[in-house]
Amino acid sequence: MNDKALIVAAQKLVQSVEKDVNGIHGKGGNGGLTSDDTIRAAGEVRVLLSKLEDGRCPR
C-alpha cells in the first residue's frame, strides 16, 4: 500500500458521508443515516490505517 491508496480510500469515505448527509445536487441523502456504502468505505480506510500503523505496508 502507498499513500495514494489511503488518499483514495479516505476521499471515497468523505464523499459517501457527504452523500448520506446532504444528497447529491440537492437530491437524495439519507438524512444523516449511515448507508452500507459509507460503512464499507470506513472499513476500507480502517484496514489501510491498521496496516500502516502495524508497519505491514511500505511507504
Protein backbone atom coordinates (compact mmCIF):
# COMPACT_ATOMS: atom_id res chain seq x y z
CA MET A 1 0.00 0.00 0.00
CA ASN A 2 1.12 3.52 -0.58
CA ASP A 3 -0.08 6.94 0.39
CA LYS A 4 -2.16 7.10 -2.80
CA ALA A 5 -4.29 4.11 -1.77
CA LEU A 6 -5.03 5.71 1.60
CA ILE A 7 -5.86 9.04 -0.01
CA VAL A 8 -8.26 7.39 -2.49
CA ALA A 9 -9.98 5.40 0.28
CA ALA A 10 -10.30 8.46 2.51
CA GLN A 11 -11.75 10.54 -0.33
CA LYS A 12 -14.30 7.81 -1.03
CA LEU A 13 -15.31 7.81 2.63
CA VAL A 14 -15.68 11.60 2.73
CA GLN A 15 -17.83 11.59 -0.41
CA SER A 16 -20.01 8.83 0.98
CA VAL A 17 -20.56 10.66 4.28
CA GLU A 18 -21.42 13.86 2.44
CA LYS A 19 -23.90 11.96 0.26
CA ASP A 20 -25.54 10.41 3.33
CA VAL A 21 -25.96 13.81 4.95
CA ASN A 22 -26.62 16.13 2.02
CA GLY A 23 -27.51 14.04 -1.01
CA ILE A 24 -26.20 14.91 -4.46
CA HIS A 25 -27.16 18.08 -6.32
CA GLY A 26 -29.88 18.77 -3.79
CA LYS A 27 -31.49 15.34 -4.18
CA GLY A 28 -31.39 12.25 -2.04
CA GLY A 29 -29.36 11.86 1.07
CA ASN A 30 -30.13 9.65 4.00
CA GLY A 31 -30.89 12.38 6.49
CA GLY A 32 -27.63 11.63 8.26
CA LEU A 33 -28.27 7.89 8.48
CA THR A 34 -25.23 5.79 7.62
CA SER A 35 -25.54 3.85 4.38
CA ASP A 36 -23.96 0.48 3.64
CA ASP A 37 -21.61 2.23 1.20
CA THR A 38 -20.36 4.52 3.94
CA ILE A 39 -19.84 1.65 6.36
CA ARG A 40 -17.91 -0.25 3.68
CA ALA A 41 -15.78 2.81 2.85
CA ALA A 42 -14.99 3.31 6.54
CA GLY A 43 -13.94 -0.34 6.79
CA GLU A 44 -11.57 0.09 3.85
CA VAL A 45 -9.93 3.12 5.47
CA ARG A 46 -9.73 1.27 8.79
CA VAL A 47 -7.90 -1.67 7.18
CA LEU A 48 -5.43 0.58 5.37
CA LEU A 49 -4.71 2.58 8.52
CA SER A 50 -4.25 -0.59 10.54
CA LYS A 51 -1.74 -1.94 8.03
CA LEU A 52 0.10 1.36 8.02
CA GLU A 53 0.24 1.51 11.82
CA ASP A 54 1.46 -2.09 12.08
CA GLY A 55 4.22 -1.42 9.59
CA ARG A 56 2.85 -4.06 7.22
CA CYS A 57 2.77 -1.60 4.36
CA PRO A 58 5.87 0.05 3.00
CA ARG A 59 5.58 3.74 2.30
